[in-house]
């Protein structure tokens, strides 16, 4: 929260607006599922049955010496299936719900070549899940690396992002049969910004 407060203070200060800002979209796919595959005995199996997509908006404040601060609002639909096995009978129920992830990362561009600039990023991530479940971890740390390609005013940024979420609340306290979230998540994303 301290980092978020510093970023807000930086954005509202007069000197921050003198720096160039860029806006754009960021989209991609999860490399691993957002939910763990869990089997309880031989009767119940809960798993994520799709790694759909991640998409959202981004804003970036460019600072001197190759540094910048980026904030994203990324939407990711989540799907979970529960499979019940009783003898030879198998029944499935599925549920879908929305999740939003808000990473705030400090970026550093190095090897400032004319057309390509590799970068590394790190910062906190916050998550909101719109569902009756309440046990998902709400905060984590994000690390990433990518390359920025500049074509006129358009910036194209393919990257890999890793997020380490905090531990979910214990299932025994929530009474839920859904799978816990995967605390280690990796995504391939592409950003387009002006």
N, C-alpha and C. Protein backbone atom coordinates (compact mmCIF):
# COMPACT_ATOMS: atom_id res chain seq x y z
N UNK A 1 0.82 -1.19 0.00
CA UNK A 1 0.00 0.00 0.00
C UNK A 1 0.86 1.26 0.00
N UNK A 2 2.05 1.18 0.60
CA UNK A 2 2.94 2.34 0.61
C UNK A 2 3.37 2.67 -0.81
N UNK A 3 3.67 1.62 -1.61
CA UNK A 3 4.07 1.84 -3.00
C UNK A 3 2.94 2.50 -3.78
N UNK A 4 1.70 2.03 -3.57
CA UNK A 4 0.55 2.60 -4.26
C UNK A 4 0.37 4.07 -3.88
N UNK A 5 0.55 4.42 -2.60
CA UNK A 5 0.43 5.80 -2.16
C UNK A 5 1.51 6.68 -2.78
N UNK A 6 2.74 6.15 -2.90
CA UNK A 6 3.81 6.91 -3.53
C UNK A 6 3.53 7.16 -5.00
N UNK A 7 2.98 6.16 -5.68
CA UNK A 7 2.67 6.30 -7.10
C UNK A 7 1.57 7.35 -7.29
N UNK A 8 0.54 7.30 -6.46
CA UNK A 8 -0.53 8.29 -6.56
C UNK A 8 0.02 9.69 -6.31
N UNK A 9 0.87 9.84 -5.30
CA UNK A 9 1.46 11.15 -5.01
C UNK A 9 2.30 11.64 -6.19
N UNK A 10 3.04 10.73 -6.81
CA UNK A 10 3.85 11.09 -7.97
C UNK A 10 2.98 11.52 -9.13
N UNK A 11 1.89 10.82 -9.37
CA UNK A 11 1.02 11.13 -10.50
C UNK A 11 0.30 12.47 -10.34
N UNK A 12 -0.04 12.84 -9.11
CA UNK A 12 -0.77 14.10 -8.92
C UNK A 12 0.16 15.30 -8.74
N UNK A 13 1.43 15.07 -8.57
CA UNK A 13 2.35 16.20 -8.44
C UNK A 13 2.53 16.89 -9.78
N UNK A 14 2.77 18.15 -9.75
CA UNK A 14 2.92 18.93 -10.99
C UNK A 14 4.09 18.47 -11.83
N UNK A 15 5.19 18.06 -11.19
CA UNK A 15 6.36 17.64 -11.97
C UNK A 15 6.12 16.33 -12.70
N UNK A 16 5.22 15.50 -12.19
CA UNK A 16 4.94 14.23 -12.85
C UNK A 16 4.29 14.45 -14.20
N UNK A 17 3.43 15.47 -14.30
CA UNK A 17 2.74 15.70 -15.57
C UNK A 17 3.68 16.26 -16.63
N UNK A 18 4.84 16.76 -16.23
CA UNK A 18 5.81 17.23 -17.20
C UNK A 18 6.50 16.06 -17.90
N UNK A 19 6.47 14.89 -17.30
CA UNK A 19 7.06 13.69 -17.89
C UNK A 19 6.09 13.10 -18.91
N UNK A 20 6.58 12.43 -19.93
CA UNK A 20 5.68 11.82 -20.91
C UNK A 20 4.91 10.64 -20.30
N UNK A 21 3.65 10.58 -20.67
CA UNK A 21 2.81 9.46 -20.24
C UNK A 21 2.35 8.73 -21.48
N UNK A 22 2.11 7.44 -21.34
CA UNK A 22 1.57 6.67 -22.45
C UNK A 22 0.40 5.83 -21.94
N UNK A 23 -0.52 5.55 -22.84
CA UNK A 23 -1.71 4.77 -22.54
C UNK A 23 -1.82 3.68 -23.59
N UNK A 24 -2.43 2.56 -23.21
CA UNK A 24 -2.57 1.49 -24.18
C UNK A 24 -3.35 0.32 -23.64
N UNK A 25 -3.19 -0.80 -24.31
CA UNK A 25 -3.85 -2.05 -23.92
C UNK A 25 -2.79 -3.12 -23.75
N UNK A 26 -3.11 -4.10 -22.93
CA UNK A 26 -2.22 -5.23 -22.71
C UNK A 26 -3.10 -6.48 -22.71
N UNK A 27 -2.70 -7.50 -23.47
CA UNK A 27 -3.49 -8.73 -23.55
C UNK A 27 -2.55 -9.92 -23.74
N UNK A 28 -3.05 -11.09 -23.39
CA UNK A 28 -2.24 -12.29 -23.55
C UNK A 28 -2.94 -13.51 -23.03
N UNK A 29 -2.13 -14.52 -22.74
CA UNK A 29 -2.66 -15.80 -22.27
C UNK A 29 -1.88 -16.28 -21.05
N UNK A 30 -2.58 -16.95 -20.12
CA UNK A 30 -1.88 -17.57 -19.00
C UNK A 30 -1.11 -18.80 -19.49
N UNK A 31 0.09 -19.00 -18.99
CA UNK A 31 0.86 -20.18 -19.35
C UNK A 31 0.48 -21.35 -18.45
N UNK A 32 0.17 -21.06 -17.21
CA UNK A 32 -0.34 -22.10 -16.31
C UNK A 32 -1.69 -21.66 -15.75
N UNK A 33 -2.45 -22.61 -15.28
CA UNK A 33 -3.81 -22.32 -14.83
C UNK A 33 -3.86 -21.47 -13.58
N UNK A 34 -4.91 -20.67 -13.43
CA UNK A 34 -5.06 -19.83 -12.25
C UNK A 34 -5.52 -20.61 -11.02
N UNK A 35 -6.03 -21.83 -11.22
CA UNK A 35 -6.48 -22.68 -10.11
C UNK A 35 -5.69 -23.97 -10.09
N UNK A 36 -5.47 -24.48 -8.89
CA UNK A 36 -4.78 -25.76 -8.77
C UNK A 36 -5.74 -26.90 -9.07
N UNK A 37 -5.19 -28.00 -9.55
CA UNK A 37 -5.94 -29.23 -9.78
C UNK A 37 -5.92 -30.01 -8.47
N UNK A 38 -7.09 -30.23 -7.86
CA UNK A 38 -7.17 -30.85 -6.54
C UNK A 38 -8.07 -32.08 -6.60
N UNK A 39 -7.59 -33.21 -6.07
CA UNK A 39 -8.41 -34.42 -5.96
C UNK A 39 -8.58 -34.74 -4.48
N UNK A 40 -9.83 -34.93 -4.06
CA UNK A 40 -10.12 -35.28 -2.67
C UNK A 40 -10.57 -36.74 -2.63
N UNK A 41 -9.68 -37.58 -2.18
CA UNK A 41 -9.99 -39.02 -2.17
C UNK A 41 -10.16 -39.49 -3.61
N UNK A 42 -11.08 -40.40 -3.83
CA UNK A 42 -11.34 -40.87 -5.19
C UNK A 42 -12.69 -40.38 -5.67
N UNK A 43 -13.28 -39.42 -4.94
CA UNK A 43 -14.65 -39.02 -5.25
C UNK A 43 -14.72 -37.65 -5.95
N UNK A 44 -14.01 -36.65 -5.45
CA UNK A 44 -14.16 -35.29 -5.96
C UNK A 44 -12.84 -34.79 -6.54
N UNK A 45 -12.90 -34.28 -7.77
CA UNK A 45 -11.74 -33.65 -8.40
C UNK A 45 -12.18 -32.26 -8.84
N UNK A 46 -11.41 -31.23 -8.48
CA UNK A 46 -11.70 -29.85 -8.86
C UNK A 46 -10.53 -29.35 -9.69
N UNK A 47 -10.84 -28.75 -10.85
CA UNK A 47 -9.78 -28.29 -11.73
C UNK A 47 -10.26 -27.12 -12.57
N UNK A 48 -9.28 -26.36 -13.08
CA UNK A 48 -9.58 -25.26 -13.98
C UNK A 48 -9.62 -25.84 -15.38
N UNK A 49 -10.75 -25.69 -16.05
CA UNK A 49 -10.89 -26.33 -17.35
C UNK A 49 -10.59 -25.42 -18.53
N UNK A 50 -10.06 -24.23 -18.27
CA UNK A 50 -9.63 -23.41 -19.41
C UNK A 50 -8.65 -22.34 -18.95
N UNK A 51 -7.71 -22.06 -19.81
CA UNK A 51 -6.81 -20.92 -19.64
C UNK A 51 -7.19 -19.94 -20.72
N UNK A 52 -8.25 -19.21 -20.50
CA UNK A 52 -8.83 -18.37 -21.55
C UNK A 52 -7.86 -17.26 -21.97
N UNK A 53 -8.02 -16.09 -21.46
CA UNK A 53 -7.24 -14.94 -21.88
C UNK A 53 -7.12 -13.95 -20.73
N UNK A 54 -6.23 -13.00 -20.93
CA UNK A 54 -6.06 -11.87 -20.01
C UNK A 54 -6.06 -10.63 -20.89
N UNK A 55 -6.83 -9.59 -20.53
CA UNK A 55 -6.87 -8.38 -21.35
C UNK A 55 -7.22 -7.19 -20.48
N UNK A 56 -6.70 -6.03 -20.84
CA UNK A 56 -7.02 -4.84 -20.08
C UNK A 56 -6.31 -3.61 -20.59
N UNK A 57 -6.26 -2.60 -19.74
CA UNK A 57 -5.67 -1.32 -20.10
C UNK A 57 -4.42 -1.07 -19.27
N UNK A 58 -3.59 -0.16 -19.77
CA UNK A 58 -2.35 0.19 -19.08
C UNK A 58 -2.10 1.68 -19.18
N UNK A 59 -1.43 2.22 -18.18
CA UNK A 59 -0.96 3.60 -18.21
C UNK A 59 0.47 3.58 -17.67
N UNK A 60 1.34 4.36 -18.31
CA UNK A 60 2.75 4.34 -17.91
C UNK A 60 3.28 5.76 -17.83
N UNK A 61 3.96 6.04 -16.76
CA UNK A 61 4.63 7.32 -16.55
C UNK A 61 6.12 7.11 -16.80
N UNK A 62 6.65 7.78 -17.83
CA UNK A 62 8.06 7.63 -18.19
C UNK A 62 8.90 8.62 -17.38
N UNK A 63 9.91 8.07 -16.72
CA UNK A 63 10.80 8.87 -15.88
C UNK A 63 12.18 8.94 -16.55
N UNK A 64 13.07 9.78 -16.06
CA UNK A 64 14.41 9.85 -16.65
C UNK A 64 15.22 8.56 -16.43
N UNK A 65 16.28 8.44 -17.22
CA UNK A 65 17.29 7.38 -17.09
C UNK A 65 16.75 5.98 -17.34
N UNK A 66 15.73 5.83 -18.18
CA UNK A 66 15.22 4.51 -18.54
C UNK A 66 14.22 3.93 -17.56
N UNK A 67 13.83 4.68 -16.53
CA UNK A 67 12.86 4.19 -15.55
C UNK A 67 11.44 4.62 -15.93
N UNK A 68 10.47 3.84 -15.48
CA UNK A 68 9.06 4.21 -15.63
C UNK A 68 8.25 3.45 -14.60
N UNK A 69 7.01 3.89 -14.42
CA UNK A 69 6.06 3.21 -13.54
C UNK A 69 4.82 2.91 -14.36
N UNK A 70 4.39 1.65 -14.33
CA UNK A 70 3.22 1.23 -15.11
C UNK A 70 2.16 0.65 -14.19
N UNK A 71 0.91 0.99 -14.47
CA UNK A 71 -0.22 0.41 -13.74
C UNK A 71 -1.17 -0.20 -14.77
N UNK A 72 -1.60 -1.42 -14.52
CA UNK A 72 -2.51 -2.13 -15.42
C UNK A 72 -3.78 -2.50 -14.69
N UNK A 73 -4.86 -2.63 -15.44
CA UNK A 73 -6.11 -3.21 -14.98
C UNK A 73 -6.43 -4.36 -15.92
N UNK A 74 -6.20 -5.60 -15.49
CA UNK A 74 -6.31 -6.77 -16.37
C UNK A 74 -7.46 -7.67 -15.95
N UNK A 75 -8.34 -7.96 -16.89
CA UNK A 75 -9.48 -8.85 -16.66
C UNK A 75 -9.10 -10.26 -17.06
N UNK A 76 -9.47 -11.25 -16.23
CA UNK A 76 -9.24 -12.66 -16.57
C UNK A 76 -10.44 -13.48 -16.12
N UNK A 77 -11.19 -14.06 -17.09
CA UNK A 77 -12.29 -14.93 -16.70
C UNK A 77 -11.73 -16.25 -16.16
N UNK A 78 -12.33 -16.75 -15.11
CA UNK A 78 -11.90 -18.02 -14.51
C UNK A 78 -13.02 -19.05 -14.63
N UNK A 79 -12.64 -20.28 -14.94
CA UNK A 79 -13.60 -21.37 -15.06
C UNK A 79 -13.12 -22.51 -14.16
N UNK A 80 -14.03 -23.11 -13.44
CA UNK A 80 -13.67 -24.23 -12.57
C UNK A 80 -14.71 -25.33 -12.76
N UNK A 81 -14.23 -26.57 -12.75
CA UNK A 81 -15.11 -27.73 -12.90
C UNK A 81 -14.90 -28.65 -11.71
N UNK A 82 -16.01 -29.16 -11.18
CA UNK A 82 -15.94 -30.17 -10.13
C UNK A 82 -16.50 -31.47 -10.71
N UNK A 83 -15.72 -32.51 -10.55
CA UNK A 83 -16.11 -33.82 -11.07
C UNK A 83 -16.33 -34.77 -9.89
N UNK A 84 -17.52 -35.34 -9.82
CA UNK A 84 -17.88 -36.27 -8.74
C UNK A 84 -17.97 -37.67 -9.33
N UNK A 85 -17.28 -38.63 -8.70
CA UNK A 85 -17.29 -40.01 -9.18
C UNK A 85 -17.87 -40.90 -8.10
N UNK A 86 -18.96 -41.58 -8.44
CA UNK A 86 -19.60 -42.56 -7.54
C UNK A 86 -19.70 -43.86 -8.30
N UNK A 87 -18.80 -44.78 -8.01
CA UNK A 87 -18.76 -46.05 -8.76
C UNK A 87 -18.41 -45.77 -10.21
N UNK A 88 -19.33 -46.12 -11.12
CA UNK A 88 -19.09 -45.86 -12.54
C UNK A 88 -19.77 -44.59 -13.04
N UNK A 89 -20.47 -43.89 -12.14
CA UNK A 89 -21.17 -42.65 -12.52
C UNK A 89 -20.27 -41.44 -12.27
N UNK A 90 -20.12 -40.63 -13.30
CA UNK A 90 -19.32 -39.40 -13.20
C UNK A 90 -20.22 -38.21 -13.53
N UNK A 91 -20.29 -37.26 -12.61
CA UNK A 91 -21.07 -36.04 -12.82
C UNK A 91 -20.14 -34.84 -12.74
N UNK A 92 -20.43 -33.84 -13.57
CA UNK A 92 -19.61 -32.62 -13.57
C UNK A 92 -20.50 -31.40 -13.38
N UNK A 93 -19.98 -30.45 -12.62
CA UNK A 93 -20.61 -29.13 -12.52
C UNK A 93 -19.52 -28.09 -12.81
N UNK A 94 -19.89 -27.06 -13.50
CA UNK A 94 -18.92 -26.01 -13.86
C UNK A 94 -19.41 -24.66 -13.37
N UNK A 95 -18.47 -23.78 -13.12
CA UNK A 95 -18.79 -22.44 -12.67
C UNK A 95 -17.78 -21.49 -13.31
N UNK A 96 -18.22 -20.29 -13.63
CA UNK A 96 -17.35 -19.25 -14.18
C UNK A 96 -17.47 -18.01 -13.32
N UNK A 97 -16.38 -17.30 -13.18
CA UNK A 97 -16.42 -16.05 -12.44
C UNK A 97 -15.34 -15.12 -12.96
N UNK A 98 -15.47 -13.86 -12.64
CA UNK A 98 -14.57 -12.81 -13.13
C UNK A 98 -13.49 -12.51 -12.11
N UNK A 99 -12.32 -12.19 -12.62
CA UNK A 99 -11.27 -11.70 -11.74
C UNK A 99 -10.56 -10.53 -12.42
N UNK A 100 -10.13 -9.59 -11.61
CA UNK A 100 -9.37 -8.44 -12.06
C UNK A 100 -8.05 -8.41 -11.32
N UNK A 101 -6.97 -8.17 -12.05
CA UNK A 101 -5.64 -8.07 -11.45
C UNK A 101 -5.11 -6.67 -11.75
N UNK A 102 -4.53 -6.04 -10.73
CA UNK A 102 -4.02 -4.67 -10.84
C UNK A 102 -2.54 -4.62 -10.45
N UNK A 103 -1.63 -4.95 -11.38
CA UNK A 103 -0.20 -4.83 -11.09
C UNK A 103 0.26 -3.38 -11.21
N UNK A 104 1.15 -2.98 -10.32
CA UNK A 104 1.79 -1.67 -10.37
C UNK A 104 3.29 -1.95 -10.35
N UNK A 105 3.94 -1.80 -11.51
CA UNK A 105 5.33 -2.22 -11.63
C UNK A 105 6.25 -1.05 -11.96
N UNK A 106 7.43 -1.10 -11.38
CA UNK A 106 8.52 -0.20 -11.76
C UNK A 106 9.27 -0.89 -12.88
N UNK A 107 9.53 -0.17 -13.95
CA UNK A 107 10.21 -0.74 -15.11
C UNK A 107 11.55 -0.05 -15.32
N UNK A 108 12.52 -0.82 -15.81
CA UNK A 108 13.81 -0.25 -16.18
C UNK A 108 14.19 -0.78 -17.56
N UNK A 109 14.41 0.15 -18.49
CA UNK A 109 14.85 -0.21 -19.84
C UNK A 109 16.37 -0.06 -19.89
N UNK A 110 17.01 -1.12 -20.40
CA UNK A 110 18.46 -1.09 -20.51
C UNK A 110 18.86 -1.41 -21.95
N UNK A 111 20.11 -1.28 -22.29
CA UNK A 111 20.58 -1.45 -23.67
C UNK A 111 19.70 -0.67 -24.63
N UNK A 112 19.69 0.62 -24.47
CA UNK A 112 18.79 1.48 -25.24
C UNK A 112 19.21 1.52 -26.70
N UNK A 113 18.79 0.50 -27.45
CA UNK A 113 19.06 0.41 -28.87
C UNK A 113 18.02 1.23 -29.63
N UNK A 114 18.28 1.57 -30.88
CA UNK A 114 17.34 2.43 -31.61
C UNK A 114 15.93 1.84 -31.76
N UNK A 115 15.80 0.56 -32.06
CA UNK A 115 14.47 -0.01 -32.30
C UNK A 115 13.97 -0.92 -31.19
N UNK A 116 14.87 -1.46 -30.38
CA UNK A 116 14.46 -2.42 -29.34
C UNK A 116 15.12 -2.06 -28.02
N UNK A 117 14.30 -2.13 -26.95
CA UNK A 117 14.81 -1.83 -25.61
C UNK A 117 14.35 -2.94 -24.67
N UNK A 118 15.24 -3.83 -24.25
CA UNK A 118 14.86 -4.83 -23.26
C UNK A 118 14.54 -4.14 -21.93
N UNK A 119 13.64 -4.73 -21.16
CA UNK A 119 13.30 -4.15 -19.86
C UNK A 119 13.00 -5.25 -18.85
N UNK A 120 13.12 -4.85 -17.60
CA UNK A 120 12.74 -5.70 -16.46
C UNK A 120 11.77 -4.89 -15.62
N UNK A 121 10.86 -5.58 -14.92
CA UNK A 121 9.85 -4.91 -14.12
C UNK A 121 9.57 -5.70 -12.85
N UNK A 122 9.13 -4.99 -11.83
CA UNK A 122 8.77 -5.63 -10.57
C UNK A 122 7.87 -4.70 -9.78
N UNK A 123 6.97 -5.30 -8.99
CA UNK A 123 6.09 -4.50 -8.15
C UNK A 123 4.95 -5.32 -7.58
N UNK A 124 4.10 -4.70 -6.80
CA UNK A 124 2.98 -5.41 -6.19
C UNK A 124 1.83 -5.62 -7.18
N UNK A 125 1.03 -6.66 -6.94
CA UNK A 125 -0.20 -6.91 -7.70
C UNK A 125 -1.33 -7.08 -6.71
N UNK A 126 -2.50 -6.62 -7.12
CA UNK A 126 -3.69 -6.75 -6.28
C UNK A 126 -4.76 -7.45 -7.11
N UNK A 127 -5.59 -8.26 -6.45
CA UNK A 127 -6.58 -9.06 -7.17
C UNK A 127 -7.95 -8.91 -6.53
N UNK A 128 -8.97 -8.80 -7.39
CA UNK A 128 -10.36 -8.78 -6.96
C UNK A 128 -11.09 -9.87 -7.73
N UNK A 129 -11.78 -10.74 -7.01
CA UNK A 129 -12.52 -11.84 -7.64
C UNK A 129 -14.00 -11.62 -7.37
N UNK A 130 -14.79 -11.57 -8.45
CA UNK A 130 -16.23 -11.34 -8.34
C UNK A 130 -16.96 -12.68 -8.29
N UNK A 131 -17.13 -13.18 -7.08
CA UNK A 131 -17.78 -14.48 -6.90
C UNK A 131 -18.09 -14.64 -5.43
N UNK A 132 -18.86 -15.65 -5.13
CA UNK A 132 -19.17 -15.89 -3.72
C UNK A 132 -17.96 -16.40 -2.95
N UNK A 133 -16.94 -16.87 -3.67
CA UNK A 133 -15.74 -17.32 -2.96
C UNK A 133 -15.00 -16.10 -2.43
N UNK A 134 -14.40 -16.26 -1.28
CA UNK A 134 -13.69 -15.12 -0.69
C UNK A 134 -12.31 -15.52 -0.19
N UNK A 135 -11.87 -16.70 -0.53
CA UNK A 135 -10.62 -17.18 0.06
C UNK A 135 -9.39 -16.90 -0.80
N UNK A 136 -9.55 -16.40 -2.04
CA UNK A 136 -8.39 -16.12 -2.88
C UNK A 136 -7.53 -15.03 -2.24
N UNK A 137 -6.22 -15.19 -2.36
CA UNK A 137 -5.29 -14.17 -1.90
C UNK A 137 -5.53 -12.88 -2.69
N UNK A 138 -5.47 -11.76 -2.01
CA UNK A 138 -5.78 -10.48 -2.66
C UNK A 138 -4.52 -9.72 -3.09
N UNK A 139 -3.32 -10.19 -2.71
CA UNK A 139 -2.10 -9.45 -3.04
C UNK A 139 -0.95 -10.40 -3.35
N UNK A 140 -0.04 -9.92 -4.17
CA UNK A 140 1.13 -10.71 -4.53
C UNK A 140 2.22 -9.82 -5.09
N UNK A 141 3.29 -10.44 -5.57
CA UNK A 141 4.41 -9.72 -6.18
C UNK A 141 4.55 -10.15 -7.63
N UNK A 142 4.79 -9.19 -8.50
CA UNK A 142 4.93 -9.46 -9.93
C UNK A 142 6.33 -9.10 -10.39
N UNK A 143 6.89 -9.98 -11.23
CA UNK A 143 8.20 -9.78 -11.85
C UNK A 143 8.03 -10.08 -13.33
N UNK A 144 8.72 -9.33 -14.18
CA UNK A 144 8.59 -9.58 -15.61
C UNK A 144 9.80 -9.12 -16.38
N UNK A 145 9.84 -9.54 -17.65
CA UNK A 145 10.89 -9.12 -18.56
C UNK A 145 10.31 -9.13 -19.97
N UNK A 146 10.75 -8.17 -20.76
CA UNK A 146 10.26 -8.09 -22.12
C UNK A 146 11.15 -7.20 -22.96
N UNK A 147 10.69 -6.95 -24.18
CA UNK A 147 11.41 -6.09 -25.11
C UNK A 147 10.42 -5.09 -25.69
N UNK A 148 10.78 -3.83 -25.66
CA UNK A 148 9.94 -2.78 -26.25
C UNK A 148 10.45 -2.49 -27.66
N UNK A 149 9.54 -2.61 -28.64
CA UNK A 149 9.83 -2.23 -30.02
C UNK A 149 9.05 -0.96 -30.31
N UNK A 150 9.73 0.03 -30.91
CA UNK A 150 9.06 1.29 -31.19
C UNK A 150 8.95 1.48 -32.70
N UNK A 151 7.71 1.69 -33.16
CA UNK A 151 7.43 1.99 -34.56
C UNK A 151 6.69 3.31 -34.59
N UNK A 152 7.41 4.37 -34.95
CA UNK A 152 6.86 5.72 -34.91
C UNK A 152 6.43 6.01 -33.47
N UNK A 153 5.13 6.27 -33.23
CA UNK A 153 4.66 6.54 -31.86
C UNK A 153 4.12 5.29 -31.17
N UNK A 154 4.00 4.20 -31.90
CA UNK A 154 3.47 2.96 -31.33
C UNK A 154 4.58 2.16 -30.66
N UNK A 155 4.32 1.73 -29.44
CA UNK A 155 5.24 0.84 -28.72
C UNK A 155 4.60 -0.54 -28.61
N UNK A 156 5.35 -1.57 -28.99
CA UNK A 156 4.88 -2.97 -28.89
C UNK A 156 5.78 -3.66 -27.87
N UNK A 157 5.15 -4.26 -26.84
CA UNK A 157 5.92 -4.84 -25.73
C UNK A 157 5.51 -6.28 -25.44
N UNK A 158 6.13 -7.27 -26.11
CA UNK A 158 5.91 -8.66 -25.69
C UNK A 158 6.70 -8.93 -24.41
N UNK A 159 6.08 -9.66 -23.47
CA UNK A 159 6.76 -9.91 -22.20
C UNK A 159 6.26 -11.18 -21.54
N UNK A 160 7.06 -11.69 -20.63
CA UNK A 160 6.66 -12.77 -19.72
C UNK A 160 6.53 -12.16 -18.34
N UNK A 161 5.42 -12.49 -17.65
CA UNK A 161 5.20 -12.00 -16.29
C UNK A 161 4.96 -13.17 -15.36
N UNK A 162 5.62 -13.09 -14.22
CA UNK A 162 5.44 -14.08 -13.15
C UNK A 162 4.84 -13.36 -11.95
N UNK A 163 3.77 -13.92 -11.39
CA UNK A 163 3.18 -13.37 -10.18
C UNK A 163 3.17 -14.44 -9.11
N UNK A 164 3.66 -14.09 -7.95
CA UNK A 164 3.63 -14.96 -6.77
C UNK A 164 2.57 -14.39 -5.84
N UNK A 165 1.43 -15.09 -5.75
CA UNK A 165 0.34 -14.65 -4.88
C UNK A 165 0.58 -15.13 -3.46
N UNK A 166 0.04 -14.41 -2.50
CA UNK A 166 0.09 -14.86 -1.12
C UNK A 166 -0.75 -16.12 -0.96
N UNK A 167 -0.61 -16.80 0.13
CA UNK A 167 -1.38 -18.03 0.36
C UNK A 167 -2.86 -17.69 0.51
N UNK A 168 -3.71 -18.54 -0.08
CA UNK A 168 -5.15 -18.39 0.08
C UNK A 168 -5.53 -18.67 1.53
N UNK A 169 -6.70 -18.18 1.91
CA UNK A 169 -7.22 -18.52 3.24
C UNK A 169 -7.46 -20.03 3.29
N UNK A 170 -7.26 -20.67 4.43
CA UNK A 170 -7.49 -22.12 4.50
C UNK A 170 -8.93 -22.46 4.13
N UNK A 171 -9.09 -23.54 3.36
CA UNK A 171 -10.42 -23.95 2.93
C UNK A 171 -11.31 -24.33 4.11
N UNK A 172 -10.73 -24.80 5.18
CA UNK A 172 -11.54 -25.20 6.32
C UNK A 172 -12.30 -24.02 6.92
N UNK A 173 -11.75 -22.81 6.76
CA UNK A 173 -12.44 -21.64 7.31
C UNK A 173 -13.48 -21.09 6.34
N UNK A 174 -13.37 -21.44 5.06
CA UNK A 174 -14.30 -20.89 4.09
C UNK A 174 -15.46 -21.82 3.79
N UNK A 175 -15.29 -23.11 4.02
CA UNK A 175 -16.35 -24.07 3.72
C UNK A 175 -16.54 -24.29 2.24
N UNK A 176 -15.58 -23.90 1.40
CA UNK A 176 -15.72 -24.04 -0.05
C UNK A 176 -15.09 -25.33 -0.52
N UNK A 177 -15.66 -25.91 -1.57
CA UNK A 177 -15.08 -27.09 -2.19
C UNK A 177 -14.28 -26.75 -3.43
N UNK A 178 -14.20 -25.45 -3.77
CA UNK A 178 -13.46 -25.06 -4.96
C UNK A 178 -11.96 -25.19 -4.72
N UNK A 179 -11.23 -25.27 -5.81
CA UNK A 179 -9.78 -25.42 -5.73
C UNK A 179 -9.14 -24.12 -5.27
N UNK A 180 -8.01 -24.21 -4.58
CA UNK A 180 -7.28 -22.99 -4.23
C UNK A 180 -6.64 -22.40 -5.48
N UNK A 181 -6.30 -21.12 -5.41
CA UNK A 181 -5.63 -20.51 -6.55
C UNK A 181 -4.20 -21.00 -6.63
N UNK A 182 -3.67 -20.98 -7.82
CA UNK A 182 -2.28 -21.35 -8.06
C UNK A 182 -1.43 -20.16 -7.61
N UNK A 183 -0.59 -20.33 -6.61
CA UNK A 183 0.17 -19.19 -6.09
C UNK A 183 1.26 -18.74 -7.05
N UNK A 184 1.69 -19.59 -7.97
CA UNK A 184 2.70 -19.23 -8.97
C UNK A 184 2.03 -19.17 -10.33
N UNK A 185 1.87 -17.97 -10.86
CA UNK A 185 1.21 -17.81 -12.15
C UNK A 185 2.14 -17.12 -13.14
N UNK A 186 2.16 -17.63 -14.37
CA UNK A 186 2.99 -17.08 -15.44
C UNK A 186 2.08 -16.73 -16.61
N UNK A 187 2.33 -15.57 -17.22
CA UNK A 187 1.52 -15.11 -18.35
C UNK A 187 2.43 -14.59 -19.45
N UNK A 188 2.00 -14.80 -20.70
CA UNK A 188 2.63 -14.15 -21.85
C UNK A 188 1.71 -13.03 -22.27
N UNK A 189 2.22 -11.81 -22.27
CA UNK A 189 1.41 -10.63 -22.57
C UNK A 189 2.05 -9.79 -23.67
N UNK A 190 1.21 -9.08 -24.41
CA UNK A 190 1.70 -8.12 -25.39
C UNK A 190 1.01 -6.79 -25.11
N UNK A 191 1.80 -5.74 -24.97
CA UNK A 191 1.26 -4.41 -24.75
C UNK A 191 1.38 -3.57 -26.01
N UNK A 192 0.36 -2.78 -26.28
CA UNK A 192 0.37 -1.80 -27.38
C UNK A 192 0.07 -0.45 -26.75
N UNK A 193 0.99 0.49 -26.89
CA UNK A 193 0.82 1.79 -26.23
C UNK A 193 1.24 2.93 -27.14
N UNK A 194 0.65 4.09 -26.87
CA UNK A 194 0.99 5.33 -27.60
C UNK A 194 1.49 6.37 -26.62
